[in-house]
Every structure is written in C-alpha cells, then in structure tokens.
Amino acid sequence: MWCDPFGLEKKGPAMGPHGQLKNDPSPGQSHHLNQDAAFRDVIPRDQGAAIKVEGNAFTERGSQHYEAHRSMEKFWDQYRKGGELYREAPTNTQYTQALKRSLESAGLQPNQVNQAVRYSIQNRVQHGALGCMEVPRIPGRINQVKPLKYRV
C-alpha cells in the first residue's frame, strides 16, 4: 500500500465548464470563476470556467460560495455608482487579483486557489479577454443577506 506523505494526491474541488459542473451531482454549487455577469458578452455562460464550492452565494453566510461573492462585491463596489472608480472598468489582470483574494476569502487552499486562477485566465484568453483589456461589464449588486454581527 502506498502512502502519500506530502499530501500531493489530495483532491481539491472539481473544476470545469459551468455547463458541466452545474449538473454534477456532488455536493456544492458551480461558481463561475469569470463571473457570468461580468463576462457574458465574451464567454458563453456554460463555457465559463467554474469551480464547485460549498453553500449558497446569496443566503448561506460563511459558506465558501457566500464568502467568495462577498469578497468580489467589495471589489465591484469601487466601480459602481458611488465608488471611487465609478465610470472606470478594471482590467482583466485586476480582476484576476480580486478573484484570487475572493477564493482565499472562501477558505480554499493555496494550491487550489492557484489552480483555479490559472484556469480562469486560460478561459478568458481562450475567448479573447487578455490581461490588459478591460473587463466587459460591471455587474450589478447581488444583494446577499447581511453577515451576522457578533458582539464581544
């Protein structure tokens, strides 16, 4: 029997096109790495790079999916009305940095974050969205339930 002393065989969350992952019966939801609301004019919805994460993005406070979107909402707020960068658009490279932070916020392991980020970049490049180009759309707010506030 072989033992994996360094944990190199550890499987992370499933990744693949959203059209495939949304029908995957394993637990979790398909999370677009290149947010559909931002990239739908460039990347067809079902062809978008996705990762399987735990929880509901809108209602399950503290879940991977909720925390990933919560982080991205902070990023997008800068570019929305009232934000300091309103009427500007981030580059795909800036989006990549925000995506990385969001996956870290969701609690993914560093190797899983790096793998997912690489996959998202490949997916964008495949559809002509290069790093120096602006993200096609600024998504509207998703209106998650508010995080609980703890009193100490």
C-alpha atoms as a PDB file:
ATOM      1  CA  MET A   1       0.000   0.000   0.000  1.00  0.00           C
ATOM      2  CA  TRP A   2       1.383   3.407  -0.996  1.00  0.00           C
ATOM      3  CA  CYS A   3       1.245   6.304   1.460  1.00  0.00           C
ATOM      4  CA  ASP A   4       1.150   9.947   0.310  1.00  0.00           C
ATOM      5  CA  PRO A   5       3.430  11.561   2.946  1.00  0.00           C
ATOM      6  CA  PHE A   6       3.242  15.067   1.453  1.00  0.00           C
ATOM      7  CA  GLY A   7      -0.477  15.143   0.649  1.00  0.00           C
ATOM      8  CA  LEU A   8       0.227  15.628  -3.051  1.00  0.00           C
ATOM      9  CA  GLU A   9      -2.649  13.422  -4.124  1.00  0.00           C
ATOM     10  CA  LYS A  10      -5.179  15.449  -2.147  1.00  0.00           C
ATOM     11  CA  LYS A  11      -8.078  16.235  -4.427  1.00  0.00           C
ATOM     12  CA  GLY A  12      -9.481  19.735  -4.419  1.00  0.00           C
ATOM     13  CA  PRO A  13     -12.869  20.952  -5.557  1.00  0.00           C
ATOM     14  CA  ALA A  14     -13.971  19.947  -9.039  1.00  0.00           C
ATOM     15  CA  MET A  15     -13.265  22.436 -11.825  1.00  0.00           C
ATOM     16  CA  GLY A  16     -14.603  22.568 -15.347  1.00  0.00           C
ATOM     17  CA  PRO A  17     -17.015  24.422 -17.608  1.00  0.00           C
ATOM     18  CA  HIS A  18     -20.074  25.742 -15.753  1.00  0.00           C
ATOM     19  CA  GLY A  19     -22.367  23.780 -18.103  1.00  0.00           C
ATOM     20  CA  GLN A  20     -20.788  20.564 -16.864  1.00  0.00           C
ATOM     21  CA  LEU A  21     -20.427  21.416 -13.153  1.00  0.00           C
ATOM     22  CA  LYS A  22     -23.972  22.725 -12.701  1.00  0.00           C
ATOM     23  CA  ASN A  23     -25.203  19.185 -13.432  1.00  0.00           C
ATOM     24  CA  ASP A  24     -22.580  17.459 -11.279  1.00  0.00           C
ATOM     25  CA  PRO A  25     -24.419  15.581  -8.506  1.00  0.00           C
ATOM     26  CA  SER A  26     -21.617  16.033  -5.937  1.00  0.00           C
ATOM     27  CA  PRO A  27     -22.295  18.489  -3.093  1.00  0.00           C
ATOM     28  CA  GLY A  28     -21.896  22.214  -3.685  1.00  0.00           C
ATOM     29  CA  GLN A  29     -22.720  24.735  -6.376  1.00  0.00           C
ATOM     30  CA  SER A  30     -20.938  25.648  -9.586  1.00  0.00           C
ATOM     31  CA  HIS A  31     -19.203  29.007  -9.075  1.00  0.00           C
ATOM     32  CA  HIS A  32     -18.195  30.952 -12.180  1.00  0.00           C
ATOM     33  CA  LEU A  33     -14.542  31.937 -11.805  1.00  0.00           C
ATOM     34  CA  ASN A  34     -15.061  34.526 -14.527  1.00  0.00           C
ATOM     35  CA  GLN A  35     -18.320  35.947 -13.238  1.00  0.00           C
ATOM     36  CA  ASP A  36     -21.079  35.480 -15.781  1.00  0.00           C
ATOM     37  CA  ALA A  37     -22.485  38.963 -15.135  1.00  0.00           C
ATOM     38  CA  ALA A  38     -19.080  40.480 -15.977  1.00  0.00           C
ATOM     39  CA  PHE A  39     -18.010  38.258 -18.878  1.00  0.00           C
ATOM     40  CA  ARG A  40     -21.256  37.055 -20.500  1.00  0.00           C
ATOM     41  CA  ASP A  41     -20.681  39.237 -23.584  1.00  0.00           C
ATOM     42  CA  VAL A  42     -17.396  37.391 -24.201  1.00  0.00           C
ATOM     43  CA  ILE A  43     -17.668  33.938 -22.601  1.00  0.00           C
ATOM     44  CA  PRO A  44     -20.840  31.878 -23.155  1.00  0.00           C
ATOM     45  CA  ARG A  45     -22.399  31.030 -19.771  1.00  0.00           C
ATOM     46  CA  ASP A  46     -21.997  27.258 -19.987  1.00  0.00           C
ATOM     47  CA  GLN A  47     -18.398  27.560 -21.258  1.00  0.00           C
ATOM     48  CA  GLY A  48     -17.292  29.725 -18.346  1.00  0.00           C
ATOM     49  CA  ALA A  49     -14.575  28.343 -16.063  1.00  0.00           C
ATOM     50  CA  ALA A  50     -16.152  27.179 -12.816  1.00  0.00           C
ATOM     51  CA  ILE A  51     -15.289  25.513  -9.532  1.00  0.00           C
ATOM     52  CA  LYS A  52     -17.534  23.513  -7.224  1.00  0.00           C
ATOM     53  CA  VAL A  53     -17.889  25.283  -3.855  1.00  0.00           C
ATOM     54  CA  GLU A  54     -19.974  24.764  -0.739  1.00  0.00           C
ATOM     55  CA  GLY A  55     -23.071  26.776   0.061  1.00  0.00           C
ATOM     56  CA  ASN A  56     -25.413  29.291  -1.499  1.00  0.00           C
ATOM     57  CA  ALA A  57     -23.886  32.575  -2.693  1.00  0.00           C
ATOM     58  CA  PHE A  58     -26.874  34.623  -1.530  1.00  0.00           C
ATOM     59  CA  THR A  59     -28.125  33.106   1.710  1.00  0.00           C
ATOM     60  CA  GLU A  60     -25.578  30.837   3.416  1.00  0.00           C
ATOM     61  CA  ARG A  61     -23.438  33.227   5.430  1.00  0.00           C
ATOM     62  CA  GLY A  62     -19.920  31.927   5.971  1.00  0.00           C
ATOM     63  CA  SER A  63     -20.084  29.310   3.203  1.00  0.00           C
ATOM     64  CA  GLN A  64     -17.378  29.196   0.539  1.00  0.00           C
ATOM     65  CA  HIS A  65     -19.759  30.455  -2.139  1.00  0.00           C
ATOM     66  CA  TYR A  66     -21.087  33.287   0.015  1.00  0.00           C
ATOM     67  CA  GLU A  67     -17.599  34.436   1.069  1.00  0.00           C
ATOM     68  CA  ALA A  68     -16.222  34.318  -2.480  1.00  0.00           C
ATOM     69  CA  HIS A  69     -19.052  36.560  -3.707  1.00  0.00           C
ATOM     70  CA  ARG A  70     -18.832  38.791  -0.650  1.00  0.00           C
ATOM     71  CA  SER A  71     -15.192  39.499  -1.486  1.00  0.00           C
ATOM     72  CA  MET A  72     -15.990  40.143  -5.158  1.00  0.00           C
ATOM     73  CA  GLU A  73     -18.805  42.516  -4.168  1.00  0.00           C
ATOM     74  CA  LYS A  74     -16.234  44.672  -2.329  1.00  0.00           C
ATOM     75  CA  PHE A  75     -14.113  44.715  -5.484  1.00  0.00           C
ATOM     76  CA  TRP A  76     -17.026  45.646  -7.761  1.00  0.00           C
ATOM     77  CA  ASP A  77     -18.333  48.332  -5.376  1.00  0.00           C
ATOM     78  CA  GLN A  78     -15.351  50.550  -6.309  1.00  0.00           C
ATOM     79  CA  TYR A  79     -16.609  50.626  -9.905  1.00  0.00           C
ATOM     80  CA  ARG A  80     -20.295  51.046  -9.154  1.00  0.00           C
ATOM     81  CA  LYS A  81     -22.145  54.334  -8.649  1.00  0.00           C
ATOM     82  CA  GLY A  82     -20.769  55.986  -5.514  1.00  0.00           C
ATOM     83  CA  GLY A  83     -17.464  54.093  -5.717  1.00  0.00           C
ATOM     84  CA  GLU A  84     -14.134  55.881  -6.063  1.00  0.00           C
ATOM     85  CA  LEU A  85     -13.574  54.326  -9.512  1.00  0.00           C
ATOM     86  CA  TYR A  86     -17.118  54.839 -10.830  1.00  0.00           C
ATOM     87  CA  ARG A  87     -17.232  55.077 -14.657  1.00  0.00           C
ATOM     88  CA  GLU A  88     -13.925  53.187 -14.898  1.00  0.00           C
ATOM     89  CA  ALA A  89     -13.506  49.482 -15.566  1.00  0.00           C
ATOM     90  CA  PRO A  90     -10.890  47.155 -14.138  1.00  0.00           C
ATOM     91  CA  THR A  91      -8.528  45.276 -16.403  1.00  0.00           C
ATOM     92  CA  ASN A  92      -8.661  41.510 -16.595  1.00  0.00           C
ATOM     93  CA  THR A  93      -5.410  41.481 -14.611  1.00  0.00           C
ATOM     94  CA  GLN A  94      -7.054  43.474 -11.808  1.00  0.00           C
ATOM     95  CA  TYR A  95      -9.985  41.067 -11.948  1.00  0.00           C
ATOM     96  CA  THR A  96      -7.549  38.157 -11.583  1.00  0.00           C
ATOM     97  CA  GLN A  97      -6.136  39.699  -8.399  1.00  0.00           C
ATOM     98  CA  ALA A  98      -9.637  40.186  -6.986  1.00  0.00           C
ATOM     99  CA  LEU A  99     -10.590  36.624  -7.924  1.00  0.00           C
ATOM    100  CA  LYS A 100      -7.528  35.296  -6.089  1.00  0.00           C
ATOM    101  CA  ARG A 101      -8.478  37.254  -2.952  1.00  0.00           C
ATOM    102  CA  SER A 102     -12.064  36.000  -3.195  1.00  0.00           C
ATOM    103  CA  LEU A 103     -11.010  32.359  -3.347  1.00  0.00           C
ATOM    104  CA  GLU A 104      -8.683  32.889  -0.406  1.00  0.00           C
ATOM    105  CA  SER A 105     -11.600  34.507   1.472  1.00  0.00           C
ATOM    106  CA  ALA A 106     -13.662  31.422   0.682  1.00  0.00           C
ATOM    107  CA  GLY A 107     -11.084  29.309   2.510  1.00  0.00           C
ATOM    108  CA  LEU A 108      -9.631  27.383  -0.420  1.00  0.00           C
ATOM    109  CA  GLN A 109      -6.116  26.006  -0.002  1.00  0.00           C
ATOM    110  CA  PRO A 110      -3.301  27.971  -1.727  1.00  0.00           C
ATOM    111  CA  ASN A 111      -2.719  25.243  -4.353  1.00  0.00           C
ATOM    112  CA  GLN A 112      -6.474  25.171  -5.109  1.00  0.00           C
ATOM    113  CA  VAL A 113      -6.564  28.974  -5.411  1.00  0.00           C
ATOM    114  CA  ASN A 114      -3.614  28.974  -7.809  1.00  0.00           C
ATOM    115  CA  GLN A 115      -5.083  26.179  -9.917  1.00  0.00           C
ATOM    116  CA  ALA A 116      -8.455  27.941 -10.146  1.00  0.00           C
ATOM    117  CA  VAL A 117      -6.873  31.293 -11.018  1.00  0.00           C
ATOM    118  CA  ARG A 118      -4.791  29.703 -13.788  1.00  0.00           C
ATOM    119  CA  TYR A 119      -7.909  28.004 -15.150  1.00  0.00           C
ATOM    120  CA  SER A 120      -9.849  31.301 -15.133  1.00  0.00           C
ATOM    121  CA  ILE A 121      -7.060  33.075 -17.032  1.00  0.00           C
ATOM    122  CA  GLN A 122      -6.900  30.291 -19.644  1.00  0.00           C
ATOM    123  CA  ASN A 123     -10.673  30.520 -20.064  1.00  0.00           C
ATOM    124  CA  ARG A 124     -10.556  34.305 -20.605  1.00  0.00           C
ATOM    125  CA  VAL A 125      -7.630  34.127 -23.026  1.00  0.00           C
ATOM    126  CA  GLN A 126      -9.431  31.367 -24.969  1.00  0.00           C
ATOM    127  CA  HIS A 127     -12.259  33.848 -25.543  1.00  0.00           C
ATOM    128  CA  GLY A 128     -10.006  36.814 -26.372  1.00  0.00           C
ATOM    129  CA  ALA A 129     -10.119  38.589 -22.991  1.00  0.00           C
ATOM    130  CA  LEU A 130      -6.445  39.414 -22.439  1.00  0.00           C
ATOM    131  CA  GLY A 131      -4.933  40.753 -19.224  1.00  0.00           C
ATOM    132  CA  CYS A 132      -4.515  44.369 -20.325  1.00  0.00           C
ATOM    133  CA  MET A 133      -8.071  44.606 -21.652  1.00  0.00           C
ATOM    134  CA  GLU A 134     -10.954  45.936 -19.566  1.00  0.00           C
ATOM    135  CA  VAL A 135     -13.499  43.595 -18.027  1.00  0.00           C
ATOM    136  CA  PRO A 136     -16.513  43.753 -20.411  1.00  0.00           C
ATOM    137  CA  ARG A 137     -19.213  44.660 -17.845  1.00  0.00           C
ATOM    138  CA  ILE A 138     -19.524  45.862 -14.257  1.00  0.00           C
ATOM    139  CA  PRO A 139     -22.069  43.514 -12.645  1.00  0.00           C
ATOM    140  CA  GLY A 140     -24.987  44.811 -10.615  1.00  0.00           C
ATOM    141  CA  ARG A 141     -25.080  44.153  -6.892  1.00  0.00           C
ATOM    142  CA  ILE A 142     -26.161  40.633  -5.902  1.00  0.00           C
ATOM    143  CA  ASN A 143     -27.780  41.611  -2.586  1.00  0.00           C
ATOM    144  CA  GLN A 144     -26.576  38.864  -0.293  1.00  0.00           C
ATOM    145  CA  VAL A 145     -28.138  38.515   3.123  1.00  0.00           C
ATOM    146  CA  LYS A 146     -26.096  40.614   5.517  1.00  0.00           C
ATOM    147  CA  PRO A 147     -23.373  38.903   7.532  1.00  0.00           C
ATOM    148  CA  LEU A 148     -24.151  38.443  11.198  1.00  0.00           C
ATOM    149  CA  LYS A 149     -22.547  40.917  13.572  1.00  0.00           C
ATOM    150  CA  TYR A 150     -21.067  39.476  16.706  1.00  0.00           C
ATOM    151  CA  ARG A 151     -20.870  41.401  19.945  1.00  0.00           C
ATOM    152  CA  VAL A 152     -17.881  40.881  22.129  1.00  0.00           C
END
